[in-house]
Amino acid sequence: MRTNTFLEKLSNGEVVTGSWLIMGSPVAAEIFAQGGFYDTAVMDMQHGYWHEHTLLQGLQVFLNTSTIPIARVVRNDVGEISRALDMGAMGIIIPMVNSREEAEAAVAAMRPPPEGERSLGGIRLLYYGDDAFSSESCRQIACIMMIETEEAVERAEEILSVPGVDCGFVGPGDLAISLGCYPERGPVHEEALKKIVEGGRNAGTPTGILCRSPEEVGHMADLGFQYLPQLSEFRAIKEAAEENAKAIKEALAR
């Protein structure tokens, strides 16, 4: 089974970087896959435009690269999780996890019996090794719980203590809405983030957060977060186009 370097780096206490892919384009994903710019790439099915057929194509472009492909599913559902795993996702991000019971259900969906309820299937996993469904190999699948409500903040340690949970992950926008501080965020949001990091430390589970800028990546690392994805392919294209258009105007004005 392919070694999950995302999990390896987390266990070594290293900061893990990542891109966030929302456009549903395997071609755009291939740029990040072949470039090897970041440790991970998240294909976002919840708020992005990935669907089953495009997710499969997206996962295929990461197969023989150093970048670990992760899928954020729409909901905590064994069917959705199983389909993403059968296609070859090396990690699953579960949104809106608010209790220990919900975390346990997500872990069970990623583990074969007797530890869980994952069904045997997914023929392309043969490319990952003949033992892709052994209990040991399934532990190479990163199980990532999203902490993004006031309720989840208070239960962060409880959620992140569930055996099999590899990482807690903050959805900063939804958390701000839940805390009543959207879009400014501010001190209330910052204190909640500190609680989540502390809960993760107490549980022995690393935490991460989606960042808006390289500067915010540095700040969140200072707070104690380890998993810090930041750039989306949409933003990369938009910002490059804006800079290029500005440069063209300046060149023509000379």
Protein backbone atom coordinates (compact mmCIF):
# COMPACT_ATOMS: atom_id res chain seq x y z
CA MET A 1 0.00 0.00 0.00
CA ARG A 2 1.21 3.50 -0.82
CA THR A 3 2.69 5.27 2.21
CA ASN A 4 0.65 8.28 3.23
CA THR A 5 3.30 10.96 3.69
CA PHE A 6 0.61 13.32 5.04
CA LEU A 7 0.16 11.05 8.06
CA GLU A 8 3.90 10.44 8.29
CA LYS A 9 4.67 14.16 8.50
CA LEU A 10 1.91 14.81 11.02
CA SER A 11 3.22 12.05 13.29
CA ASN A 12 6.71 13.59 13.06
CA GLY A 13 5.34 16.94 14.23
CA GLU A 14 5.94 18.61 10.86
CA VAL A 15 3.79 21.28 9.24
CA VAL A 16 1.92 19.93 6.20
CA THR A 17 1.04 22.22 3.30
CA GLY A 18 -1.72 21.86 0.75
CA SER A 19 -3.73 23.24 -2.12
CA TRP A 20 -7.54 23.37 -2.20
CA LEU A 21 -9.11 22.35 -5.50
CA ILE A 22 -12.66 23.57 -6.09
CA MET A 23 -13.13 23.85 -9.86
CA GLY A 24 -13.73 20.15 -10.52
CA SER A 25 -11.13 20.20 -13.29
CA PRO A 26 -8.76 17.21 -13.56
CA VAL A 27 -6.57 19.30 -15.89
CA ALA A 28 -6.17 22.03 -13.26
CA ALA A 29 -5.54 19.34 -10.65
CA GLU A 30 -2.81 17.88 -12.85
CA ILE A 31 -0.84 21.14 -12.63
CA PHE A 32 -0.68 20.74 -8.86
CA ALA A 33 -0.08 17.00 -9.09
CA GLN A 34 2.82 17.18 -11.52
CA GLY A 35 4.27 20.33 -9.98
CA GLY A 36 4.57 18.78 -6.54
CA PHE A 37 4.25 22.24 -5.00
CA TYR A 38 2.42 21.11 -1.86
CA ASP A 39 2.23 18.03 0.35
CA THR A 40 -1.49 17.50 -0.24
CA ALA A 41 -4.35 18.49 -2.52
CA VAL A 42 -7.97 18.55 -1.37
CA MET A 43 -10.70 17.94 -3.92
CA ASP A 44 -13.70 19.66 -2.38
CA MET A 45 -16.99 17.93 -3.10
CA GLN A 46 -18.88 19.87 -0.43
CA HIS A 47 -18.48 23.43 -1.70
CA GLY A 48 -16.47 22.82 -4.87
CA TYR A 49 -17.58 21.37 -8.20
CA TRP A 50 -16.23 17.84 -8.01
CA HIS A 51 -18.65 15.03 -8.78
CA GLU A 52 -18.10 11.28 -9.00
CA HIS A 53 -16.78 11.14 -12.56
CA THR A 54 -14.50 14.16 -12.18
CA LEU A 55 -13.30 13.05 -8.75
CA LEU A 56 -12.15 9.75 -10.23
CA GLN A 57 -10.23 11.58 -12.96
CA GLY A 58 -8.77 13.97 -10.41
CA LEU A 59 -7.57 11.15 -8.18
CA GLN A 60 -5.99 9.40 -11.16
CA VAL A 61 -3.65 12.31 -11.87
CA PHE A 62 -2.19 12.06 -8.36
CA LEU A 63 -1.53 8.31 -8.40
CA ASN A 64 2.19 8.32 -9.22
CA THR A 65 3.08 11.68 -7.70
CA SER A 66 4.39 12.80 -4.31
CA THR A 67 1.21 14.76 -3.54
CA ILE A 68 -1.37 13.06 -1.31
CA PRO A 69 -4.92 13.42 -2.69
CA ILE A 70 -7.68 14.08 -0.16
CA ALA A 71 -11.43 14.37 -0.76
CA ARG A 72 -13.83 16.46 1.29
CA VAL A 73 -17.17 14.69 1.09
CA VAL A 74 -20.56 16.39 1.26
CA ARG A 75 -21.66 14.76 4.50
CA ASN A 76 -20.81 12.10 7.08
CA ASP A 77 -22.28 9.25 5.07
CA VAL A 78 -20.85 5.74 4.74
CA GLY A 79 -21.86 5.51 1.08
CA GLU A 80 -20.21 8.79 0.07
CA ILE A 81 -17.07 8.00 2.06
CA SER A 82 -16.83 4.50 0.58
CA ARG A 83 -17.17 5.76 -3.00
CA ALA A 84 -14.37 8.31 -2.54
CA LEU A 85 -12.13 5.66 -0.98
CA ASP A 86 -12.86 3.14 -3.74
CA MET A 87 -11.67 5.73 -6.27
CA GLY A 88 -8.35 6.13 -4.48
CA ALA A 89 -8.60 9.04 -2.03
CA MET A 90 -5.79 8.82 0.53
CA GLY A 91 -7.71 10.92 3.02
CA ILE A 92 -11.27 11.97 3.74
CA ILE A 93 -12.38 15.25 5.32
CA ILE A 94 -15.74 14.92 7.08
CA PRO A 95 -17.68 18.20 7.50
CA MET A 96 -19.73 19.29 10.51
CA VAL A 97 -18.64 16.71 13.09
CA ASN A 98 -20.22 17.75 16.39
CA SER A 99 -19.96 14.71 18.66
CA ARG A 100 -17.93 11.66 19.55
CA GLU A 101 -20.64 9.45 18.04
CA GLU A 102 -20.41 11.22 14.68
CA ALA A 103 -16.62 10.87 14.70
CA GLU A 104 -16.91 7.15 15.50
CA ALA A 105 -19.30 6.67 12.57
CA ALA A 106 -16.84 8.36 10.19
CA VAL A 107 -13.94 6.22 11.38
CA ALA A 108 -16.04 3.06 10.99
CA ALA A 109 -16.79 4.00 7.37
CA MET A 110 -13.04 4.01 6.63
CA ARG A 111 -12.08 0.76 8.35
CA PRO A 112 -12.89 -2.83 7.31
CA PRO A 113 -14.50 -5.29 9.76
CA PRO A 114 -14.03 -6.02 12.59
CA GLU A 115 -12.84 -2.45 13.28
CA GLY A 116 -15.44 -0.80 11.08
CA GLU A 117 -17.93 -1.34 8.28
CA ARG A 118 -16.09 -0.46 5.09
CA SER A 119 -17.13 -2.79 2.27
CA LEU A 120 -14.56 -4.55 0.07
CA GLY A 121 -14.45 -3.06 -3.43
CA GLY A 122 -12.88 -0.56 -5.78
CA ILE A 123 -10.90 -2.37 -8.48
CA ARG A 124 -8.52 0.52 -9.19
CA LEU A 125 -7.14 0.14 -5.65
CA LEU A 126 -5.10 -2.73 -7.09
CA TYR A 127 -2.77 0.04 -8.26
CA TYR A 128 -2.19 0.87 -4.60
CA GLY A 129 -1.13 -2.67 -3.68
CA ASP A 130 -2.69 -6.12 -3.30
CA ASP A 131 -3.29 -5.53 0.40
CA ALA A 132 -5.25 -2.29 -0.05
CA PHE A 133 -8.06 -3.57 2.19
CA SER A 134 -6.00 -4.96 5.06
CA SER A 135 -6.48 -3.25 8.41
CA GLU A 136 -2.89 -2.03 8.29
CA SER A 137 -3.25 -0.55 4.80
CA CYS A 138 -6.51 1.17 5.69
CA ARG A 139 -4.60 3.01 8.39
CA GLN A 140 -2.81 4.78 5.53
CA ILE A 141 -6.13 6.55 4.89
CA ALA A 142 -6.21 9.88 6.72
CA CYS A 143 -9.41 10.35 8.73
CA ILE A 144 -9.95 14.10 9.18
CA MET A 145 -12.79 15.54 11.30
CA MET A 146 -13.99 19.09 10.74
CA ILE A 147 -14.49 21.20 13.85
CA GLU A 148 -16.57 24.14 12.67
CA THR A 149 -19.34 24.92 15.16
CA GLU A 150 -19.45 26.33 18.70
CA GLU A 151 -20.71 22.94 19.88
CA ALA A 152 -17.77 21.15 18.26
CA VAL A 153 -15.27 23.58 19.82
CA GLU A 154 -16.53 22.64 23.28
CA ARG A 155 -16.28 18.94 22.38
CA ALA A 156 -13.02 19.17 20.44
CA GLU A 157 -11.00 16.99 22.79
CA GLU A 158 -13.80 14.41 22.95
CA ILE A 159 -14.11 14.27 19.15
CA LEU A 160 -10.36 14.15 18.53
CA SER A 161 -9.87 11.43 21.15
CA VAL A 162 -11.81 8.89 19.08
CA PRO A 163 -9.44 6.07 18.01
CA GLY A 164 -8.77 6.31 14.29
CA VAL A 165 -9.17 10.07 14.01
CA ASP A 166 -5.92 11.36 12.52
CA CYS A 167 -6.52 15.10 12.37
CA GLY A 168 -8.98 17.78 13.38
CA PHE A 169 -9.64 20.45 10.78
CA VAL A 170 -11.24 23.87 11.20
CA GLY A 171 -13.69 25.33 8.73
CA PRO A 172 -13.00 28.97 9.72
CA GLY A 173 -15.94 30.51 7.88
CA ASP A 174 -18.61 28.21 9.29
CA LEU A 175 -17.02 28.51 12.72
CA ALA A 176 -17.23 32.30 12.51
CA ILE A 177 -20.91 32.07 11.55
CA SER A 178 -21.58 29.72 14.46
CA LEU A 179 -19.79 32.07 16.87
CA GLY A 180 -21.60 35.14 15.52
CA CYS A 181 -18.42 36.86 14.32
CA TYR A 182 -18.64 36.47 10.54
CA PRO A 183 -17.00 37.89 8.47
CA GLU A 184 -14.65 39.79 10.80
CA ARG A 185 -13.73 36.75 12.97
CA GLY A 186 -11.61 38.63 15.52
CA PRO A 187 -10.77 37.74 19.16
CA VAL A 188 -13.71 35.38 19.76
CA HIS A 189 -12.72 33.34 16.73
CA GLU A 190 -9.05 33.32 17.76
CA GLU A 191 -9.91 32.04 21.24
CA ALA A 192 -11.98 29.24 19.72
CA LEU A 193 -9.03 28.27 17.54
CA LYS A 194 -6.79 28.10 20.58
CA LYS A 195 -9.33 25.82 22.30
CA ILE A 196 -9.34 23.49 19.30
CA VAL A 197 -5.54 23.28 19.23
CA GLU A 198 -5.52 22.61 22.98
CA GLY A 199 -8.20 19.94 22.60
CA GLY A 200 -6.14 18.27 19.91
CA ARG A 201 -3.01 18.35 22.02
CA ASN A 202 -4.83 16.83 24.97
CA ALA A 203 -6.18 14.10 22.69
CA GLY A 204 -2.81 13.55 21.03
CA THR A 205 -4.30 14.48 17.64
CA PRO A 206 -2.88 17.19 15.34
CA THR A 207 -5.11 19.93 13.99
CA GLY A 208 -5.34 21.98 10.81
CA ILE A 209 -7.16 24.93 9.29
CA LEU A 210 -7.83 26.33 5.83
CA CYS A 211 -5.84 29.56 5.44
CA ARG A 212 -6.46 32.65 3.30
CA SER A 213 -2.87 33.73 2.70
CA PRO A 214 0.77 32.70 3.24
CA GLU A 215 0.88 35.16 6.15
CA GLU A 216 -2.07 33.43 7.76
CA VAL A 217 -0.33 30.07 7.28
CA GLY A 218 2.53 31.42 9.41
CA HIS A 219 0.17 32.74 12.08
CA MET A 220 -1.77 29.49 12.31
CA ALA A 221 1.46 27.52 12.58
CA ASP A 222 2.39 29.78 15.51
CA LEU A 223 -0.95 28.91 17.16
CA GLY A 224 -0.06 25.23 16.88
CA PHE A 225 -1.89 24.04 13.77
CA GLN A 226 0.04 21.51 11.69
CA TYR A 227 -2.09 20.99 8.56
CA LEU A 228 -2.26 24.28 6.65
CA PRO A 229 -3.70 24.14 3.12
CA GLN A 230 -4.04 27.55 1.53
CA LEU A 231 -4.11 28.13 -2.23
CA SER A 232 -7.01 27.18 -4.51
CA GLU A 233 -6.53 26.69 -8.23
CA PHE A 234 -9.34 29.22 -8.81
CA ARG A 235 -7.54 31.92 -6.84
CA ALA A 236 -4.19 31.05 -8.46
CA ILE A 237 -5.66 31.50 -11.96
CA LYS A 238 -7.59 34.65 -11.01
CA GLU A 239 -4.61 36.35 -9.38
CA ALA A 240 -2.25 35.38 -12.20
CA ALA A 241 -4.70 36.77 -14.77
CA GLU A 242 -5.08 40.03 -12.81
CA GLU A 243 -1.30 40.47 -12.54
CA ASN A 244 -0.81 39.67 -16.21
CA ALA A 245 -3.53 42.08 -17.34
CA LYS A 246 -1.99 44.84 -15.19
CA ALA A 247 1.47 44.16 -16.68
CA ILE A 248 0.06 44.30 -20.22
CA LYS A 249 -1.60 47.68 -19.54
CA GLU A 250 1.62 49.05 -18.08
CA ALA A 251 3.63 47.80 -21.08
CA LEU A 252 1.19 49.37 -23.55
CA ALA A 253 1.24 52.68 -21.66
CA ARG A 254 5.02 53.04 -22.02
